[in-house]
Amino acid sequence: MIFVVEDDSQDGLDHVDGHRSVAYCISPYSNGGVVSTLYNQTSIVRTIEQILGLPPMNQFDLTATPMSDCFGTEADLTPYTALVPDVPLDQMNAPMSTLTGIAREDAIVSSNMNWQSPDFNDEGTLNAIIWRATRPGEPLPTFEWQREESEDE
């Protein structure tokens, strides 16, 4: 059983509610698909305790909702095919002299950012640069309230 959760969504708020975040349950017993039941961090603790047959540590995990909607009783042992990365892990950024257009502009902005400590740089600017680098040609997603603000200006 592997749980993968986001510790802090930063500026990547969910499209339904900013308090909502992604969690993955990876197991042969996982049902797969999307579960919309309301869970929280202590739900994960409670679920792990139940899987291992451990008693609750305190009242918070005692009263937490176990993530039972995520699991079935039959194991699916179908093998999976791992995706092999298509970018070498030791590959560095391309030299600035080889970049053109928005990629060059973003590289210039990035090179002038303060990287001495986390959270020194503007999240919106950095998120837009990362989006364009990883999803070239796709428009940056926006929330309804952002579209309304830009119409008011």
C-alpha atoms as a PDB file:
ATOM      1  CA  MET A   1       0.000   0.000   0.000  1.00  0.00           C
ATOM      2  CA  ILE A   2       1.376   3.348  -1.030  1.00  0.00           C
ATOM      3  CA  PHE A   3      -0.287   6.685  -0.278  1.00  0.00           C
ATOM      4  CA  VAL A   4       0.798   9.748  -2.245  1.00  0.00           C
ATOM      5  CA  VAL A   5      -0.477  13.114  -1.017  1.00  0.00           C
ATOM      6  CA  GLU A   6       0.385  16.720  -1.666  1.00  0.00           C
ATOM      7  CA  ASP A   7       1.739  18.420   1.437  1.00  0.00           C
ATOM      8  CA  ASP A   8       0.898  21.946   0.274  1.00  0.00           C
ATOM      9  CA  SER A   9      -0.811  22.875  -2.967  1.00  0.00           C
ATOM     10  CA  GLN A  10       0.810  26.353  -2.948  1.00  0.00           C
ATOM     11  CA  ASP A  11      -0.612  28.257  -5.910  1.00  0.00           C
ATOM     12  CA  GLY A  12      -2.063  25.198  -7.644  1.00  0.00           C
ATOM     13  CA  LEU A  13      -5.518  25.359  -6.131  1.00  0.00           C
ATOM     14  CA  ASP A  14      -8.080  22.747  -7.095  1.00  0.00           C
ATOM     15  CA  HIS A  15     -10.768  23.796  -9.598  1.00  0.00           C
ATOM     16  CA  VAL A  16     -13.591  22.902  -7.160  1.00  0.00           C
ATOM     17  CA  ASP A  17     -12.272  24.044  -3.782  1.00  0.00           C
ATOM     18  CA  GLY A  18      -8.924  25.438  -2.659  1.00  0.00           C
ATOM     19  CA  HIS A  19      -8.982  23.164   0.393  1.00  0.00           C
ATOM     20  CA  ARG A  20      -9.205  20.043  -1.767  1.00  0.00           C
ATOM     21  CA  SER A  21      -6.069  18.186  -2.838  1.00  0.00           C
ATOM     22  CA  VAL A  22      -5.054  15.066  -4.724  1.00  0.00           C
ATOM     23  CA  ALA A  23      -4.361  11.774  -2.950  1.00  0.00           C
ATOM     24  CA  TYR A  24      -3.379   8.509  -4.605  1.00  0.00           C
ATOM     25  CA  CYS A  25      -3.929   5.063  -3.071  1.00  0.00           C
ATOM     26  CA  ILE A  26      -1.716   2.533  -4.827  1.00  0.00           C
ATOM     27  CA  SER A  27      -2.348  -1.093  -4.005  1.00  0.00           C
ATOM     28  CA  PRO A  28      -3.480  -4.322  -5.641  1.00  0.00           C
ATOM     29  CA  TYR A  29      -6.656  -3.784  -3.585  1.00  0.00           C
ATOM     30  CA  SER A  30      -7.284  -0.215  -4.829  1.00  0.00           C
ATOM     31  CA  ASN A  31     -10.563   0.185  -6.698  1.00  0.00           C
ATOM     32  CA  GLY A  32      -9.045   2.572  -9.220  1.00  0.00           C
ATOM     33  CA  GLY A  33     -10.771   5.623 -10.587  1.00  0.00           C
ATOM     34  CA  VAL A  34     -11.902   8.703  -8.716  1.00  0.00           C
ATOM     35  CA  VAL A  35     -13.380   8.630  -5.211  1.00  0.00           C
ATOM     36  CA  SER A  36     -15.138  11.815  -4.109  1.00  0.00           C
ATOM     37  CA  THR A  37     -15.618  10.927  -0.436  1.00  0.00           C
ATOM     38  CA  LEU A  38     -14.344  13.620   1.943  1.00  0.00           C
ATOM     39  CA  TYR A  39     -11.116  12.423   3.567  1.00  0.00           C
ATOM     40  CA  ASN A  40      -8.291  14.248   5.327  1.00  0.00           C
ATOM     41  CA  GLN A  41      -4.737  13.503   6.492  1.00  0.00           C
ATOM     42  CA  THR A  42      -5.937  11.635   9.575  1.00  0.00           C
ATOM     43  CA  SER A  43      -8.058   9.434   7.300  1.00  0.00           C
ATOM     44  CA  ILE A  44      -4.799   8.148   5.833  1.00  0.00           C
ATOM     45  CA  VAL A  45      -3.427   7.466   9.323  1.00  0.00           C
ATOM     46  CA  ARG A  46      -6.645   5.685  10.310  1.00  0.00           C
ATOM     47  CA  THR A  47      -6.552   3.573   7.143  1.00  0.00           C
ATOM     48  CA  ILE A  48      -2.918   2.557   7.726  1.00  0.00           C
ATOM     49  CA  GLU A  49      -3.751   1.632  11.321  1.00  0.00           C
ATOM     50  CA  GLN A  50      -6.636  -0.531  10.143  1.00  0.00           C
ATOM     51  CA  ILE A  51      -4.544  -2.234   7.449  1.00  0.00           C
ATOM     52  CA  LEU A  52      -1.843  -3.053  10.019  1.00  0.00           C
ATOM     53  CA  GLY A  53      -4.313  -3.942  12.773  1.00  0.00           C
ATOM     54  CA  LEU A  54      -3.057  -1.161  15.052  1.00  0.00           C
ATOM     55  CA  PRO A  55      -5.170   0.723  17.594  1.00  0.00           C
ATOM     56  CA  PRO A  56      -5.726   4.480  17.132  1.00  0.00           C
ATOM     57  CA  MET A  57      -3.001   6.711  18.588  1.00  0.00           C
ATOM     58  CA  ASN A  58      -5.387   9.462  19.735  1.00  0.00           C
ATOM     59  CA  GLN A  59      -8.929  10.784  19.377  1.00  0.00           C
ATOM     60  CA  PHE A  60      -8.195  12.420  16.025  1.00  0.00           C
ATOM     61  CA  ASP A  61      -7.397   9.234  14.156  1.00  0.00           C
ATOM     62  CA  LEU A  62      -9.994   7.337  16.227  1.00  0.00           C
ATOM     63  CA  THR A  63     -12.732   9.561  14.768  1.00  0.00           C
ATOM     64  CA  ALA A  64     -11.242   9.938  11.270  1.00  0.00           C
ATOM     65  CA  THR A  65     -13.107   8.384   8.359  1.00  0.00           C
ATOM     66  CA  PRO A  66     -11.208   5.350   7.045  1.00  0.00           C
ATOM     67  CA  MET A  67     -10.642   5.381   3.287  1.00  0.00           C
ATOM     68  CA  SER A  68     -12.713   2.244   2.699  1.00  0.00           C
ATOM     69  CA  ASP A  69     -14.255   3.583  -0.548  1.00  0.00           C
ATOM     70  CA  CYS A  70     -10.797   3.354  -2.119  1.00  0.00           C
ATOM     71  CA  PHE A  71     -10.383  -0.399  -1.647  1.00  0.00           C
ATOM     72  CA  GLY A  72     -12.001  -3.673  -2.635  1.00  0.00           C
ATOM     73  CA  THR A  73     -11.632  -7.185  -1.250  1.00  0.00           C
ATOM     74  CA  GLU A  74     -10.099  -8.756  -4.381  1.00  0.00           C
ATOM     75  CA  ALA A  75      -6.503  -8.061  -5.412  1.00  0.00           C
ATOM     76  CA  ASP A  76      -5.839  -7.050  -9.026  1.00  0.00           C
ATOM     77  CA  LEU A  77      -2.411  -8.529  -9.755  1.00  0.00           C
ATOM     78  CA  THR A  78      -2.364  -7.458 -13.416  1.00  0.00           C
ATOM     79  CA  PRO A  79       1.194  -6.362 -14.233  1.00  0.00           C
ATOM     80  CA  TYR A  80       1.704  -2.808 -15.349  1.00  0.00           C
ATOM     81  CA  THR A  81       4.114  -1.318 -17.836  1.00  0.00           C
ATOM     82  CA  ALA A  82       6.354   1.315 -16.302  1.00  0.00           C
ATOM     83  CA  LEU A  83       6.754   4.505 -18.311  1.00  0.00           C
ATOM     84  CA  VAL A  84      10.387   5.202 -19.102  1.00  0.00           C
ATOM     85  CA  PRO A  85      11.298   8.915 -18.865  1.00  0.00           C
ATOM     86  CA  ASP A  86      12.055  10.443 -22.256  1.00  0.00           C
ATOM     87  CA  VAL A  87      14.272  13.150 -20.738  1.00  0.00           C
ATOM     88  CA  PRO A  88      17.625  12.021 -19.330  1.00  0.00           C
ATOM     89  CA  LEU A  89      17.837  12.707 -15.585  1.00  0.00           C
ATOM     90  CA  ASP A  90      21.284  14.259 -15.993  1.00  0.00           C
ATOM     91  CA  GLN A  91      20.212  16.647 -18.783  1.00  0.00           C
ATOM     92  CA  MET A  92      20.652  20.319 -17.941  1.00  0.00           C
ATOM     93  CA  ASN A  93      18.739  23.272 -19.383  1.00  0.00           C
ATOM     94  CA  ALA A  94      19.647  24.250 -22.926  1.00  0.00           C
ATOM     95  CA  PRO A  95      22.129  27.141 -23.190  1.00  0.00           C
ATOM     96  CA  MET A  96      20.394  30.548 -23.273  1.00  0.00           C
ATOM     97  CA  SER A  97      21.979  31.270 -26.676  1.00  0.00           C
ATOM     98  CA  THR A  98      20.002  28.388 -28.246  1.00  0.00           C
ATOM     99  CA  LEU A  99      16.606  29.576 -26.959  1.00  0.00           C
ATOM    100  CA  THR A 100      14.179  31.781 -28.855  1.00  0.00           C
ATOM    101  CA  GLY A 101      10.798  33.409 -28.244  1.00  0.00           C
ATOM    102  CA  ILE A 102       8.955  32.892 -24.968  1.00  0.00           C
ATOM    103  CA  ALA A 103      11.391  30.139 -23.896  1.00  0.00           C
ATOM    104  CA  ARG A 104      14.241  32.679 -24.010  1.00  0.00           C
ATOM    105  CA  GLU A 105      12.161  35.332 -22.231  1.00  0.00           C
ATOM    106  CA  ASP A 106      11.264  32.836 -19.487  1.00  0.00           C
ATOM    107  CA  ALA A 107      14.910  31.766 -19.147  1.00  0.00           C
ATOM    108  CA  ILE A 108      15.961  35.404 -18.703  1.00  0.00           C
ATOM    109  CA  VAL A 109      13.270  36.006 -16.056  1.00  0.00           C
ATOM    110  CA  SER A 110      14.218  32.757 -14.271  1.00  0.00           C
ATOM    111  CA  SER A 111      17.920  33.602 -14.271  1.00  0.00           C
ATOM    112  CA  ASN A 112      17.132  36.903 -12.539  1.00  0.00           C
ATOM    113  CA  MET A 113      15.041  35.270  -9.772  1.00  0.00           C
ATOM    114  CA  ASN A 114      16.316  34.954  -6.218  1.00  0.00           C
ATOM    115  CA  TRP A 115      16.885  31.241  -5.583  1.00  0.00           C
ATOM    116  CA  GLN A 116      18.574  31.660  -2.179  1.00  0.00           C
ATOM    117  CA  SER A 117      15.504  30.532  -0.252  1.00  0.00           C
ATOM    118  CA  PRO A 118      12.092  28.992  -0.943  1.00  0.00           C
ATOM    119  CA  ASP A 119       9.190  31.366  -1.560  1.00  0.00           C
ATOM    120  CA  PHE A 120      11.350  34.358  -2.568  1.00  0.00           C
ATOM    121  CA  ASN A 121       9.896  34.412  -6.086  1.00  0.00           C
ATOM    122  CA  ASP A 122       6.418  35.301  -7.295  1.00  0.00           C
ATOM    123  CA  GLU A 123       4.408  32.063  -7.489  1.00  0.00           C
ATOM    124  CA  GLY A 124       2.255  33.222 -10.405  1.00  0.00           C
ATOM    125  CA  THR A 125       5.282  34.106 -12.535  1.00  0.00           C
ATOM    126  CA  LEU A 126       7.085  30.876 -11.695  1.00  0.00           C
ATOM    127  CA  ASN A 127       3.985  28.712 -12.273  1.00  0.00           C
ATOM    128  CA  ALA A 128       3.448  30.304 -15.700  1.00  0.00           C
ATOM    129  CA  ILE A 129       7.101  29.662 -16.666  1.00  0.00           C
ATOM    130  CA  ILE A 130       6.877  26.027 -15.541  1.00  0.00           C
ATOM    131  CA  TRP A 131       3.573  25.561 -17.391  1.00  0.00           C
ATOM    132  CA  ARG A 132       4.979  26.925 -20.666  1.00  0.00           C
ATOM    133  CA  ALA A 133       8.124  24.777 -20.328  1.00  0.00           C
ATOM    134  CA  THR A 134       6.172  21.570 -19.713  1.00  0.00           C
ATOM    135  CA  ARG A 135       3.050  22.223 -21.833  1.00  0.00           C
ATOM    136  CA  PRO A 136       4.267  24.273 -24.802  1.00  0.00           C
ATOM    137  CA  GLY A 137       1.494  25.766 -26.896  1.00  0.00           C
ATOM    138  CA  GLU A 138      -1.217  25.088 -24.292  1.00  0.00           C
ATOM    139  CA  PRO A 139      -2.843  28.096 -22.608  1.00  0.00           C
ATOM    140  CA  LEU A 140      -2.264  28.508 -18.892  1.00  0.00           C
ATOM    141  CA  PRO A 141      -5.439  27.395 -17.063  1.00  0.00           C
ATOM    142  CA  THR A 142      -7.294  30.087 -15.177  1.00  0.00           C
ATOM    143  CA  PHE A 143     -10.030  30.147 -12.587  1.00  0.00           C
ATOM    144  CA  GLU A 144     -13.388  31.823 -13.229  1.00  0.00           C
ATOM    145  CA  TRP A 145     -12.569  34.610 -10.763  1.00  0.00           C
ATOM    146  CA  GLN A 146      -9.355  35.390 -12.677  1.00  0.00           C
ATOM    147  CA  ARG A 147     -11.271  35.686 -15.954  1.00  0.00           C
ATOM    148  CA  GLU A 148     -13.822  37.987 -14.292  1.00  0.00           C
ATOM    149  CA  GLU A 149     -11.053  40.219 -12.905  1.00  0.00           C
ATOM    150  CA  SER A 150      -9.396  40.567 -16.327  1.00  0.00           C
ATOM    151  CA  GLU A 151     -12.758  41.514 -17.906  1.00  0.00           C
ATOM    152  CA  ASP A 152     -13.247  44.235 -15.267  1.00  0.00           C
ATOM    153  CA  GLU A 153      -9.901  45.872 -16.053  1.00  0.00           C
END
